[in-house]
C-alpha atoms as a PDB file:
ATOM      1  CA  UNK A   1     -31.890 -12.145  41.953  1.00  0.00           C
ATOM      2  CA  UNK A   2     -32.901 -15.564  43.268  1.00  0.00           C
ATOM      3  CA  UNK A   3     -32.381 -16.703  46.822  1.00  0.00           C
ATOM      4  CA  UNK A   4     -32.064 -20.415  47.463  1.00  0.00           C
ATOM      5  CA  UNK A   5     -32.095 -22.193  50.768  1.00  0.00           C
ATOM      6  CA  UNK A   6     -28.929 -24.219  51.344  1.00  0.00           C
ATOM      7  CA  UNK A   7     -29.778 -27.572  52.943  1.00  0.00           C
ATOM      8  CA  UNK A   8     -27.900 -28.571  56.095  1.00  0.00           C
ATOM      9  CA  UNK A   9     -24.812 -30.738  55.657  1.00  0.00           C
ATOM     10  CA  UNK A  10     -25.735 -34.379  55.395  1.00  0.00           C
ATOM     11  CA  UNK A  11     -29.451 -33.816  54.814  1.00  0.00           C
ATOM     12  CA  UNK A  12     -30.925 -37.169  53.771  1.00  0.00           C
ATOM     13  CA  UNK A  13     -27.851 -39.076  55.040  1.00  0.00           C
ATOM     14  CA  UNK A  14     -27.411 -41.040  58.289  1.00  0.00           C
ATOM     15  CA  UNK A  15     -25.110 -39.180  60.706  1.00  0.00           C
ATOM     16  CA  UNK A  16     -22.923 -40.887  63.310  1.00  0.00           C
ATOM     17  CA  UNK A  17     -21.278 -38.396  65.691  1.00  0.00           C
ATOM     18  CA  UNK A  18     -18.112 -39.028  67.653  1.00  0.00           C
ATOM     19  CA  UNK A  19     -16.727 -36.684  70.279  1.00  0.00           C
ATOM     20  CA  UNK A  20     -13.035 -37.413  70.725  1.00  0.00           C
ATOM     21  CA  UNK A  21      -9.734 -35.857  71.727  1.00  0.00           C
ATOM     22  CA  UNK A  22      -6.063 -35.713  70.897  1.00  0.00           C
ATOM     23  CA  UNK A  23      -4.436 -35.901  74.315  1.00  0.00           C
ATOM     24  CA  UNK A  24      -0.855 -35.982  75.551  1.00  0.00           C
ATOM     25  CA  UNK A  25       0.037 -39.214  77.297  1.00  0.00           C
ATOM     26  CA  UNK A  26       2.724 -40.721  79.486  1.00  0.00           C
ATOM     27  CA  UNK A  27       4.267 -42.726  76.640  1.00  0.00           C
ATOM     28  CA  UNK A  28       5.416 -41.012  73.452  1.00  0.00           C
ATOM     29  CA  UNK A  29       2.696 -38.602  72.376  1.00  0.00           C
ATOM     30  CA  UNK A  30      -0.446 -40.213  73.781  1.00  0.00           C
ATOM     31  CA  UNK A  31      -3.154 -39.802  71.131  1.00  0.00           C
ATOM     32  CA  UNK A  32      -1.822 -36.394  70.000  1.00  0.00           C
ATOM     33  CA  UNK A  33       0.622 -38.114  67.653  1.00  0.00           C
ATOM     34  CA  UNK A  34       0.538 -35.798  64.637  1.00  0.00           C
ATOM     35  CA  UNK A  35       0.933 -36.728  60.980  1.00  0.00           C
ATOM     36  CA  UNK A  36       2.897 -39.679  59.606  1.00  0.00           C
ATOM     37  CA  UNK A  37       6.045 -37.499  59.274  1.00  0.00           C
ATOM     38  CA  UNK A  38       6.585 -37.976  63.010  1.00  0.00           C
ATOM     39  CA  UNK A  39       6.476 -41.798  63.012  1.00  0.00           C
ATOM     40  CA  UNK A  40       3.532 -42.231  65.399  1.00  0.00           C
ATOM     41  CA  UNK A  41       0.538 -41.724  63.097  1.00  0.00           C
ATOM     42  CA  UNK A  42      -1.227 -44.893  64.291  1.00  0.00           C
ATOM     43  CA  UNK A  43      -1.261 -43.549  67.864  1.00  0.00           C
ATOM     44  CA  UNK A  44      -3.871 -40.989  66.803  1.00  0.00           C
ATOM     45  CA  UNK A  45      -7.465 -41.958  67.621  1.00  0.00           C
ATOM     46  CA  UNK A  46      -8.641 -44.718  65.258  1.00  0.00           C
ATOM     47  CA  UNK A  47     -12.269 -45.593  64.696  1.00  0.00           C
ATOM     48  CA  UNK A  48     -12.934 -48.923  63.031  1.00  0.00           C
ATOM     49  CA  UNK A  49     -16.412 -49.524  61.704  1.00  0.00           C
ATOM     50  CA  UNK A  50     -18.440 -51.821  59.490  1.00  0.00           C
ATOM     51  CA  UNK A  51     -21.097 -50.574  57.078  1.00  0.00           C
ATOM     52  CA  UNK A  52     -24.006 -52.879  56.325  1.00  0.00           C
ATOM     53  CA  UNK A  53     -26.997 -52.745  54.033  1.00  0.00           C
ATOM     54  CA  UNK A  54     -30.321 -54.527  54.121  1.00  0.00           C
ATOM     55  CA  UNK A  55     -30.080 -55.005  50.344  1.00  0.00           C
ATOM     56  CA  UNK A  56     -29.209 -58.503  49.153  1.00  0.00           C
ATOM     57  CA  UNK A  57     -25.755 -58.831  47.594  1.00  0.00           C
ATOM     58  CA  UNK A  58     -23.626 -55.770  46.988  1.00  0.00           C
ATOM     59  CA  UNK A  59     -25.084 -52.354  47.582  1.00  0.00           C
ATOM     60  CA  UNK A  60     -23.637 -48.968  46.720  1.00  0.00           C
ATOM     61  CA  UNK A  61     -23.128 -47.080  49.967  1.00  0.00           C
ATOM     62  CA  UNK A  62     -21.395 -43.741  50.148  1.00  0.00           C
ATOM     63  CA  UNK A  63     -19.548 -42.284  53.124  1.00  0.00           C
ATOM     64  CA  UNK A  64     -18.252 -38.816  53.907  1.00  0.00           C
ATOM     65  CA  UNK A  65     -17.125 -37.155  57.129  1.00  0.00           C
ATOM     66  CA  UNK A  66     -16.435 -33.772  58.734  1.00  0.00           C
ATOM     67  CA  UNK A  67     -13.774 -33.274  61.394  1.00  0.00           C
ATOM     68  CA  UNK A  68     -13.649 -30.110  63.507  1.00  0.00           C
ATOM     69  CA  UNK A  69     -11.605 -28.981  66.501  1.00  0.00           C
ATOM     70  CA  UNK A  70     -14.097 -28.094  69.237  1.00  0.00           C
ATOM     71  CA  UNK A  71     -11.948 -26.312  71.807  1.00  0.00           C
ATOM     72  CA  UNK A  72     -11.695 -23.052  69.851  1.00  0.00           C
ATOM     73  CA  UNK A  73      -8.116 -23.565  68.609  1.00  0.00           C
ATOM     74  CA  UNK A  74      -8.138 -24.612  64.935  1.00  0.00           C
ATOM     75  CA  UNK A  75      -5.026 -26.757  64.563  1.00  0.00           C
ATOM     76  CA  UNK A  76      -4.027 -28.051  61.121  1.00  0.00           C
ATOM     77  CA  UNK A  77      -6.043 -31.290  60.874  1.00  0.00           C
ATOM     78  CA  UNK A  78      -6.822 -34.114  58.457  1.00  0.00           C
ATOM     79  CA  UNK A  79      -9.216 -37.063  58.372  1.00  0.00           C
ATOM     80  CA  UNK A  80      -8.498 -40.199  56.324  1.00  0.00           C
ATOM     81  CA  UNK A  81     -10.425 -43.379  55.511  1.00  0.00           C
ATOM     82  CA  UNK A  82      -8.740 -46.773  55.048  1.00  0.00           C
ATOM     83  CA  UNK A  83     -10.104 -50.219  54.194  1.00  0.00           C
ATOM     84  CA  UNK A  84      -9.335 -52.760  56.927  1.00  0.00           C
ATOM     85  CA  UNK A  85      -7.736 -56.145  56.310  1.00  0.00           C
ATOM     86  CA  UNK A  86      -9.538 -58.133  58.972  1.00  0.00           C
ATOM     87  CA  UNK A  87     -11.875 -57.951  61.900  1.00  0.00           C
ATOM     88  CA  UNK A  88     -10.828 -58.510  65.522  1.00  0.00           C
ATOM     89  CA  UNK A  89      -9.967 -62.196  64.952  1.00  0.00           C
ATOM     90  CA  UNK A  90      -6.482 -62.237  63.422  1.00  0.00           C
ATOM     91  CA  UNK A  91      -5.175 -58.750  64.163  1.00  0.00           C
ATOM     92  CA  UNK A  92      -6.383 -58.308  67.695  1.00  0.00           C
ATOM     93  CA  UNK A  93      -6.120 -54.786  69.035  1.00  0.00           C
ATOM     94  CA  UNK A  94      -2.950 -53.855  67.093  1.00  0.00           C
ATOM     95  CA  UNK A  95      -4.051 -51.141  64.618  1.00  0.00           C
ATOM     96  CA  UNK A  96      -1.052 -51.831  62.365  1.00  0.00           C
ATOM     97  CA  UNK A  97      -2.599 -55.215  61.496  1.00  0.00           C
ATOM     98  CA  UNK A  98      -5.929 -53.639  60.554  1.00  0.00           C
ATOM     99  CA  UNK A  99      -4.603 -51.613  57.644  1.00  0.00           C
ATOM    100  CA  UNK A 100      -3.490 -52.858  54.217  1.00  0.00           C
ATOM    101  CA  UNK A 101      -0.074 -51.165  54.212  1.00  0.00           C
ATOM    102  CA  UNK A 102       2.438 -50.996  57.098  1.00  0.00           C
ATOM    103  CA  UNK A 103       3.487 -47.409  56.227  1.00  0.00           C
ATOM    104  CA  UNK A 104       0.050 -45.880  56.430  1.00  0.00           C
ATOM    105  CA  UNK A 105      -0.355 -42.190  55.596  1.00  0.00           C
ATOM    106  CA  UNK A 106      -3.093 -39.934  54.265  1.00  0.00           C
ATOM    107  CA  UNK A 107      -1.515 -40.222  50.795  1.00  0.00           C
ATOM    108  CA  UNK A 108      -2.207 -44.011  50.872  1.00  0.00           C
ATOM    109  CA  UNK A 109      -5.803 -43.648  52.105  1.00  0.00           C
ATOM    110  CA  UNK A 110      -8.927 -44.725  50.254  1.00  0.00           C
ATOM    111  CA  UNK A 111     -10.059 -41.124  50.810  1.00  0.00           C
ATOM    112  CA  UNK A 112      -8.555 -38.169  52.656  1.00  0.00           C
ATOM    113  CA  UNK A 113      -9.512 -34.580  53.308  1.00  0.00           C
ATOM    114  CA  UNK A 114      -7.942 -31.947  51.037  1.00  0.00           C
ATOM    115  CA  UNK A 115      -5.931 -34.594  49.122  1.00  0.00           C
ATOM    116  CA  UNK A 116      -3.847 -35.295  52.227  1.00  0.00           C
ATOM    117  CA  UNK A 117      -3.064 -31.653  53.023  1.00  0.00           C
ATOM    118  CA  UNK A 118      -3.654 -30.542  56.612  1.00  0.00           C
ATOM    119  CA  UNK A 119      -5.900 -27.491  57.076  1.00  0.00           C
ATOM    120  CA  UNK A 120      -6.550 -25.172  60.018  1.00  0.00           C
ATOM    121  CA  UNK A 121      -9.868 -23.843  58.700  1.00  0.00           C
ATOM    122  CA  UNK A 122     -12.338 -23.023  61.474  1.00  0.00           C
ATOM    123  CA  UNK A 123     -15.009 -25.073  59.685  1.00  0.00           C
ATOM    124  CA  UNK A 124     -12.763 -28.149  59.876  1.00  0.00           C
ATOM    125  CA  UNK A 125     -12.028 -30.579  57.066  1.00  0.00           C
ATOM    126  CA  UNK A 126     -14.239 -32.840  54.974  1.00  0.00           C
ATOM    127  CA  UNK A 127     -13.549 -36.369  53.810  1.00  0.00           C
ATOM    128  CA  UNK A 128     -14.985 -36.424  50.269  1.00  0.00           C
ATOM    129  CA  UNK A 129     -17.934 -38.630  49.348  1.00  0.00           C
ATOM    130  CA  UNK A 130     -16.523 -42.113  48.782  1.00  0.00           C
ATOM    131  CA  UNK A 131     -18.276 -45.285  47.645  1.00  0.00           C
ATOM    132  CA  UNK A 132     -17.538 -48.244  49.943  1.00  0.00           C
ATOM    133  CA  UNK A 133     -18.189 -51.991  49.910  1.00  0.00           C
ATOM    134  CA  UNK A 134     -20.749 -53.199  52.394  1.00  0.00           C
ATOM    135  CA  UNK A 135     -21.761 -56.455  53.988  1.00  0.00           C
ATOM    136  CA  UNK A 136     -25.345 -57.663  54.094  1.00  0.00           C
ATOM    137  CA  UNK A 137     -26.821 -56.778  57.498  1.00  0.00           C
ATOM    138  CA  UNK A 138     -27.508 -60.481  58.048  1.00  0.00           C
ATOM    139  CA  UNK A 139     -23.728 -61.144  57.922  1.00  0.00           C
ATOM    140  CA  UNK A 140     -22.385 -58.461  60.318  1.00  0.00           C
ATOM    141  CA  UNK A 141     -21.537 -61.005  63.018  1.00  0.00           C
ATOM    142  CA  UNK A 142     -19.122 -62.962  60.796  1.00  0.00           C
ATOM    143  CA  UNK A 143     -15.370 -62.448  60.629  1.00  0.00           C
ATOM    144  CA  UNK A 144     -15.684 -61.019  57.100  1.00  0.00           C
ATOM    145  CA  UNK A 145     -13.614 -57.915  56.442  1.00  0.00           C
ATOM    146  CA  UNK A 146     -16.056 -56.732  53.769  1.00  0.00           C
ATOM    147  CA  UNK A 147     -17.368 -53.309  54.644  1.00  0.00           C
ATOM    148  CA  UNK A 148     -14.819 -52.781  57.455  1.00  0.00           C
ATOM    149  CA  UNK A 149     -13.046 -49.435  57.443  1.00  0.00           C
ATOM    150  CA  UNK A 150     -10.867 -47.354  59.723  1.00  0.00           C
ATOM    151  CA  UNK A 151     -11.076 -43.584  59.988  1.00  0.00           C
ATOM    152  CA  UNK A 152      -8.156 -41.643  61.481  1.00  0.00           C
ATOM    153  CA  UNK A 153      -8.439 -38.004  62.567  1.00  0.00           C
ATOM    154  CA  UNK A 154      -5.030 -36.371  63.071  1.00  0.00           C
ATOM    155  CA  UNK A 155      -3.304 -33.055  63.669  1.00  0.00           C
ATOM    156  CA  UNK A 156      -0.248 -32.093  61.637  1.00  0.00           C
ATOM    157  CA  UNK A 157       2.101 -31.608  64.591  1.00  0.00           C
ATOM    158  CA  UNK A 158       2.374 -33.926  67.583  1.00  0.00           C
ATOM    159  CA  UNK A 159       1.260 -32.774  71.033  1.00  0.00           C
ATOM    160  CA  UNK A 160      -1.437 -30.466  69.663  1.00  0.00           C
ATOM    161  CA  UNK A 161      -4.079 -31.355  72.212  1.00  0.00           C
ATOM    162  CA  UNK A 162      -7.700 -30.628  71.414  1.00  0.00           C
ATOM    163  CA  UNK A 163     -11.168 -32.052  71.564  1.00  0.00           C
ATOM    164  CA  UNK A 164     -12.825 -32.762  68.243  1.00  0.00           C
ATOM    165  CA  UNK A 165     -16.118 -33.631  66.654  1.00  0.00           C
ATOM    166  CA  UNK A 166     -16.163 -36.251  63.900  1.00  0.00           C
ATOM    167  CA  UNK A 167     -19.421 -36.683  61.991  1.00  0.00           C
ATOM    168  CA  UNK A 168     -19.487 -39.748  59.726  1.00  0.00           C
ATOM    169  CA  UNK A 169     -22.303 -39.729  57.176  1.00  0.00           C
ATOM    170  CA  UNK A 170     -23.591 -42.749  55.237  1.00  0.00           C
ATOM    171  CA  UNK A 171     -25.982 -42.702  52.316  1.00  0.00           C
ATOM    172  CA  UNK A 172     -29.590 -43.754  52.870  1.00  0.00           C
ATOM    173  CA  UNK A 173     -29.126 -47.324  51.678  1.00  0.00           C
ATOM    174  CA  UNK A 174     -26.802 -48.188  54.572  1.00  0.00           C
ATOM    175  CA  UNK A 175     -28.878 -49.920  57.215  1.00  0.00           C
ATOM    176  CA  UNK A 176     -26.226 -49.704  59.927  1.00  0.00           C
ATOM    177  CA  UNK A 177     -22.772 -48.491  60.781  1.00  0.00           C
ATOM    178  CA  UNK A 178     -21.230 -50.378  63.660  1.00  0.00           C
ATOM    179  CA  UNK A 179     -18.068 -49.143  65.391  1.00  0.00           C
ATOM    180  CA  UNK A 180     -15.929 -52.159  66.331  1.00  0.00           C
END
């Protein structure tokens, strides 16, 4: 029998941790909006970010993420990654203008955990390793939408309030990930 050491998740990758929450609000569902079946999917927390690389021209950068409920109650959850149409300039703060399709859902995502199925596993859900386009780190101040993505953590049912931990990992050749 051979015993092998299992490396920690994300070893050799850059990790960007977000502590967030799905919370009930005074209008509609707040940020505990549930899946797209309920018509308020874009009211879930959205994290828009740009990946850059110090390499000249195009570089192959990979992204994956883990989402976990942190309050002890494992609700059915999902995390999905979408390319963004534009930076702050034309779309402003309206998330519907950031995404390439007006009827956004995990099934239309660039990548989604468990093929779009929601899971209540205690260990959370994992966005699979996905190759993304990046912008040269010298160009991150421009209005280019290259390398701009949106990640949406959601629960299946609305009003399932919980805190969560979202770890976004980028491969070693990404020089920066900037949440915008």
